[in-house]
Amino acid sequence: MLIDKTKTVRDLVIENPAMARVFEKFQIDYCCGGQLSLGEACRRAGVKLDEVLQAAEKATINEAQNDLPEMDFNEMSLAALTDYIVRKHHKFTRERSERISVLLEKVCSIHGENHAELFDIQKVFNALRLELEKHMLKEERMLFPYISLMESSINFGHAVPPAPFGSTKNPIRVMIAEHDVAGEHLREIRRLSNQFVVPDDACITYQTLYSELEEFEKDMHWHTHLENNILFPKAIEMEASGKSAEADQIAQVKCGLDECSSHESMLRSKI
């Protein structure tokens, strides 16, 4: 697999989701910082481009062997993508954050005296959890339903109802800013936890906590990538153009049916 180092990390992950694993390994931001070229992203992460390229060459694209879903998110309808994000990632975020909060409470009570950083991690995570819940509710109740409504209206040739927030760019701008804040919280948790490396005196619960936090971070990166780099740009483009990929497909099918009908009528007239 030949990797174009001038491409953005966003586009590399869209083209090949397995690249997300490589970027996670080298702590390269492909979600909030997805607009950077691979070369620039490596420079900012303090890693060697050649090492990343070598890892990328070895990365499997067989998604059945990893935790990335076998789906082409870039080809999904926006309604399907928003539904997937809510059912998969919002559900994961809520369930896992509840579990992590319980683990933090337990580990802080047992190990907090010798590891004061645990209380800092707990404080940051609690703030992150609260902010994410508000963030997800705004998406579920306001932005996502409107994106789906806009898409269906365009697909069926109806006028798009005016949005209560003006342009989709307005809430999307807010969502992206909130993603940036969430990313800062995640980086702070990683720093406080020493890159999720448990101390020598860590018990099983302590180890589980750090494992859960790292998994939470990975899911948030992919979750944010789907929104920042696929859903939001497509929604903005759709609003600006008044067109959707599905509408074009529907038009092509209708055109084909019309041609068949016309051809059939001609044949009948000759009989």
Protein backbone atom coordinates (compact mmCIF):
# COMPACT_ATOMS: atom_id res chain seq x y z
CA MET A 1 0.00 0.00 0.00
CA LEU A 2 1.57 3.27 -1.17
CA ILE A 3 0.96 6.12 1.28
CA ASP A 4 0.86 9.68 -0.01
CA LYS A 5 2.49 11.75 2.75
CA THR A 6 1.03 14.96 1.31
CA LYS A 7 -2.53 13.79 1.94
CA THR A 8 -4.32 14.87 5.09
CA VAL A 9 -4.58 12.35 7.90
CA ARG A 10 -8.34 12.83 7.65
CA ASP A 11 -8.40 11.63 4.04
CA LEU A 12 -6.04 8.74 4.75
CA VAL A 13 -8.39 7.40 7.43
CA ILE A 14 -11.48 7.95 5.26
CA GLU A 15 -9.83 5.97 2.44
CA ASN A 16 -8.54 3.24 4.74
CA PRO A 17 -10.05 3.04 8.26
CA ALA A 18 -7.21 0.71 9.33
CA MET A 19 -4.97 3.81 9.32
CA ALA A 20 -6.73 4.88 12.51
CA ARG A 21 -4.89 2.09 14.33
CA VAL A 22 -1.56 3.38 13.06
CA PHE A 23 -2.35 6.93 14.11
CA GLU A 24 -3.50 5.79 17.56
CA LYS A 25 -0.20 3.95 18.00
CA PHE A 26 1.81 7.09 17.27
CA GLN A 27 -0.70 9.42 18.99
CA ILE A 28 -1.35 11.32 15.79
CA ASP A 29 -4.55 13.35 15.95
CA TYR A 30 -6.67 12.30 12.97
CA CYS A 31 -10.01 13.58 14.28
CA CYS A 32 -9.75 17.17 15.51
CA GLY A 33 -6.44 17.69 13.70
CA GLY A 34 -7.49 15.79 10.61
CA GLN A 35 -6.85 18.68 8.23
CA LEU A 36 -3.06 18.36 8.59
CA SER A 37 -0.92 16.56 6.03
CA LEU A 38 0.64 13.32 7.21
CA GLY A 39 4.06 14.95 7.23
CA GLU A 40 2.93 17.91 9.33
CA ALA A 41 0.92 15.69 11.68
CA CYS A 42 4.01 13.55 12.30
CA ARG A 43 6.08 16.64 12.99
CA ARG A 44 3.58 17.95 15.54
CA ALA A 45 3.33 14.54 17.22
CA GLY A 46 7.11 14.34 17.43
CA VAL A 47 7.36 11.07 15.51
CA LYS A 48 9.39 10.09 12.46
CA LEU A 49 7.50 10.03 9.21
CA ASP A 50 9.42 6.97 7.99
CA GLU A 51 8.36 4.97 11.05
CA VAL A 52 4.72 5.87 10.50
CA LEU A 53 4.96 4.98 6.81
CA GLN A 54 6.50 1.61 7.67
CA ALA A 55 3.74 0.92 10.18
CA ALA A 56 1.14 1.98 7.63
CA GLU A 57 2.58 -0.41 5.05
CA LYS A 58 2.16 -3.27 7.51
CA ALA A 59 -1.31 -2.26 8.65
CA THR A 60 -4.00 -4.69 7.63
CA ILE A 61 -6.99 -3.45 5.72
CA ASN A 62 -9.01 -6.50 6.72
CA GLU A 63 -11.41 -4.84 9.15
CA ALA A 64 -12.78 -8.21 10.23
CA GLN A 65 -9.58 -8.62 12.23
CA ASN A 66 -9.84 -5.39 14.15
CA ASP A 67 -12.41 -3.36 16.03
CA LEU A 68 -13.33 -1.08 13.15
CA PRO A 69 -16.74 -1.81 11.61
CA GLU A 70 -16.92 -3.22 8.07
CA MET A 71 -18.70 -0.17 6.69
CA ASP A 72 -17.90 2.51 4.16
CA PHE A 73 -18.95 5.51 6.20
CA ASN A 74 -18.05 7.90 3.40
CA GLU A 75 -20.74 6.32 1.20
CA MET A 76 -23.48 6.25 3.84
CA SER A 77 -26.50 8.51 3.66
CA LEU A 78 -26.30 11.21 6.31
CA ALA A 79 -29.42 9.85 8.00
CA ALA A 80 -27.81 6.41 8.27
CA LEU A 81 -24.57 7.90 9.55
CA THR A 82 -26.24 9.98 12.27
CA ASP A 83 -28.26 6.94 13.31
CA TYR A 84 -25.09 4.85 13.49
CA ILE A 85 -23.28 7.48 15.57
CA VAL A 86 -26.12 7.65 18.08
CA ARG A 87 -26.69 3.91 18.36
CA LYS A 88 -23.02 2.95 18.42
CA HIS A 89 -20.93 5.79 19.81
CA HIS A 90 -23.35 7.79 21.93
CA LYS A 91 -24.51 4.55 23.54
CA PHE A 92 -20.90 3.47 24.12
CA THR A 93 -19.97 6.87 25.58
CA ARG A 94 -22.83 6.84 28.08
CA GLU A 95 -22.38 3.24 29.16
CA ARG A 96 -18.60 3.34 29.38
CA SER A 97 -18.47 6.70 31.16
CA GLU A 98 -20.77 5.31 33.86
CA ARG A 99 -18.50 2.30 34.30
CA ILE A 100 -15.35 4.43 34.39
CA SER A 101 -16.86 6.74 37.01
CA VAL A 102 -17.53 3.75 39.26
CA LEU A 103 -14.00 2.43 38.73
CA LEU A 104 -12.50 5.84 39.46
CA GLU A 105 -14.41 6.11 42.72
CA LYS A 106 -13.17 2.72 43.83
CA VAL A 107 -9.55 3.15 42.74
CA CYS A 108 -9.34 6.64 44.25
CA SER A 109 -10.58 5.34 47.60
CA ILE A 110 -8.01 2.54 47.64
CA HIS A 111 -4.96 4.04 45.91
CA GLY A 112 -5.58 7.77 46.12
CA GLU A 113 -3.37 8.23 49.18
CA ASN A 114 -0.30 7.00 47.29
CA HIS A 115 -1.32 8.24 43.84
CA ALA A 116 -2.79 11.71 44.13
CA GLU A 117 -2.96 12.01 40.33
CA LEU A 118 -6.00 9.73 40.46
CA PHE A 119 -8.08 12.52 41.96
CA ASP A 120 -6.98 14.83 39.13
CA ILE A 121 -7.96 12.19 36.58
CA GLN A 122 -11.33 11.83 38.29
CA LYS A 123 -11.90 15.58 38.22
CA VAL A 124 -11.05 15.87 34.52
CA PHE A 125 -13.09 12.82 33.56
CA ASN A 126 -16.15 14.02 35.48
CA ALA A 127 -15.97 17.34 33.64
CA LEU A 128 -15.55 15.53 30.33
CA ARG A 129 -18.51 13.26 31.03
CA LEU A 130 -20.81 16.16 31.87
CA GLU A 131 -19.77 18.12 28.78
CA LEU A 132 -20.18 15.11 26.50
CA GLU A 133 -23.69 14.41 27.75
CA LYS A 134 -24.77 17.97 26.98
CA HIS A 135 -22.98 17.78 23.64
CA MET A 136 -24.66 14.52 22.60
CA LEU A 137 -28.11 15.77 23.57
CA LYS A 138 -27.66 18.82 21.34
CA GLU A 139 -26.74 16.55 18.46
CA GLU A 140 -29.58 14.10 19.09
CA ARG A 141 -32.32 16.67 19.65
CA MET A 142 -31.33 19.44 17.27
CA LEU A 143 -28.55 18.96 14.71
CA PHE A 144 -28.88 15.32 13.65
CA PRO A 145 -32.68 15.41 13.13
CA TYR A 146 -32.35 18.51 10.97
CA ILE A 147 -29.58 16.97 8.86
CA SER A 148 -31.79 13.92 8.25
CA LEU A 149 -34.78 16.15 7.44
CA MET A 150 -32.71 18.23 5.02
CA GLU A 151 -31.45 15.11 3.26
CA SER A 152 -34.88 13.49 2.92
CA SER A 153 -36.42 16.76 1.67
CA ILE A 154 -33.78 17.05 -1.04
CA ASN A 155 -34.09 13.38 -1.99
CA PHE A 156 -37.84 13.67 -2.55
CA GLY A 157 -37.71 17.06 -4.25
CA HIS A 158 -39.35 18.97 -1.42
CA ALA A 159 -38.40 22.39 -0.12
CA VAL A 160 -36.00 22.15 2.79
CA PRO A 161 -37.64 23.56 5.95
CA PRO A 162 -35.74 26.48 7.47
CA ALA A 163 -33.46 25.53 10.33
CA PRO A 164 -34.16 27.06 13.75
CA PHE A 165 -30.45 27.82 14.03
CA GLY A 166 -30.03 29.50 10.63
CA SER A 167 -27.36 27.59 8.76
CA THR A 168 -26.07 24.15 9.73
CA LYS A 169 -22.67 25.83 9.90
CA ASN A 170 -23.69 27.48 13.17
CA PRO A 171 -24.28 24.40 15.36
CA ILE A 172 -21.53 22.49 13.52
CA ARG A 173 -19.06 25.21 14.47
CA VAL A 174 -20.11 24.78 18.11
CA MET A 175 -19.90 20.97 17.92
CA ILE A 176 -16.37 21.11 16.49
CA ALA A 177 -15.27 23.54 19.21
CA GLU A 178 -16.69 21.18 21.84
CA HIS A 179 -14.85 18.28 20.22
CA ASP A 180 -11.64 20.27 20.62
CA VAL A 181 -12.33 20.75 24.32
CA ALA A 182 -13.07 17.04 24.75
CA GLY A 183 -9.79 16.28 23.00
CA GLU A 184 -7.93 18.49 25.46
CA HIS A 185 -9.52 16.64 28.38
CA LEU A 186 -8.51 13.29 26.89
CA ARG A 187 -4.93 14.45 26.39
CA GLU A 188 -4.82 15.66 29.99
CA ILE A 189 -6.07 12.30 31.25
CA ARG A 190 -3.43 10.54 29.16
CA ARG A 191 -0.74 12.81 30.61
CA LEU A 192 -1.90 12.38 34.20
CA SER A 193 -2.04 8.59 33.80
CA ASN A 194 1.49 8.42 32.38
CA GLN A 195 0.16 7.25 29.00
CA PHE A 196 -2.11 4.76 30.79
CA VAL A 197 0.85 2.90 32.29
CA VAL A 198 -0.18 1.52 35.68
CA PRO A 199 2.20 1.81 38.68
CA ASP A 200 3.86 -1.26 40.18
CA ASP A 201 1.43 -1.43 43.09
CA ALA A 202 -1.67 -1.33 40.88
CA CYS A 203 -4.41 -3.86 41.56
CA ILE A 204 -6.61 -5.49 38.92
CA THR A 205 -9.23 -2.76 39.29
CA TYR A 206 -6.55 -0.10 38.75
CA GLN A 207 -5.40 -1.88 35.59
CA THR A 208 -8.99 -2.21 34.40
CA LEU A 209 -9.56 1.51 34.93
CA TYR A 210 -6.62 2.50 32.74
CA SER A 211 -7.60 -0.02 30.09
CA GLU A 212 -11.14 1.36 30.04
CA LEU A 213 -9.88 4.94 29.83
CA GLU A 214 -7.65 4.11 26.88
CA GLU A 215 -10.50 2.34 25.09
CA PHE A 216 -12.75 5.32 25.80
CA GLU A 217 -10.15 7.62 24.25
CA LYS A 218 -9.88 5.49 21.09
CA ASP A 219 -13.63 5.38 20.63
CA MET A 220 -13.89 9.15 21.09
CA HIS A 221 -11.23 9.67 18.42
CA TRP A 222 -13.14 7.53 15.91
CA HIS A 223 -16.49 9.03 16.95
CA THR A 224 -15.12 12.54 16.45
CA HIS A 225 -13.58 11.57 13.11
CA LEU A 226 -16.94 10.41 11.78
CA GLU A 227 -18.51 13.74 12.68
CA ASN A 228 -15.73 16.25 12.00
CA ASN A 229 -14.37 14.68 8.83
CA ILE A 230 -17.37 13.01 7.19
CA LEU A 231 -20.79 14.00 8.55
CA PHE A 232 -20.30 17.72 9.09
CA PRO A 233 -18.52 18.55 5.79
CA LYS A 234 -21.13 16.58 3.85
CA ALA A 235 -24.01 18.32 5.66
CA ILE A 236 -22.53 21.75 4.92
CA GLU A 237 -21.97 20.83 1.27
CA MET A 238 -25.51 19.46 0.95
CA GLU A 239 -27.01 22.61 2.42
CA ALA A 240 -24.97 24.81 0.07
CA SER A 241 -25.64 22.81 -3.11
CA GLY A 242 -29.16 21.62 -2.39
CA LYS A 243 -28.09 18.22 -3.65
CA SER A 244 -27.41 14.84 -2.11
CA ALA A 245 -25.75 11.70 -3.44
CA GLU A 246 -29.00 9.80 -2.90
CA ALA A 247 -31.00 12.39 -4.83
CA ASP A 248 -28.67 11.94 -7.81
CA GLN A 249 -29.10 8.16 -7.61
CA ILE A 250 -32.89 8.51 -7.42
CA ALA A 251 -32.82 10.82 -10.45
CA GLN A 252 -30.72 8.33 -12.40
CA VAL A 253 -33.08 5.48 -11.56
CA LYS A 254 -36.10 7.60 -12.53
CA CYS A 255 -34.41 8.56 -15.78
CA GLY A 256 -33.75 4.90 -16.51
CA LEU A 257 -37.36 3.98 -15.79
CA ASP A 258 -38.60 6.80 -18.01
CA GLU A 259 -36.39 5.60 -20.84
CA CYS A 260 -37.66 2.04 -20.43
CA SER A 261 -41.26 3.27 -20.42
CA SER A 262 -40.66 5.38 -23.53
CA HIS A 263 -39.01 2.49 -25.31
CA GLU A 264 -41.89 0.18 -24.38
CA SER A 265 -44.42 2.71 -25.70
CA MET A 266 -42.57 2.94 -29.01
CA LEU A 267 -42.60 -0.83 -29.39
CA ARG A 268 -46.33 -0.98 -28.71
CA SER A 269 -47.05 1.74 -31.26
CA LYS A 270 -45.31 -0.29 -33.95
CA ILE A 271 -47.32 -3.42 -33.22
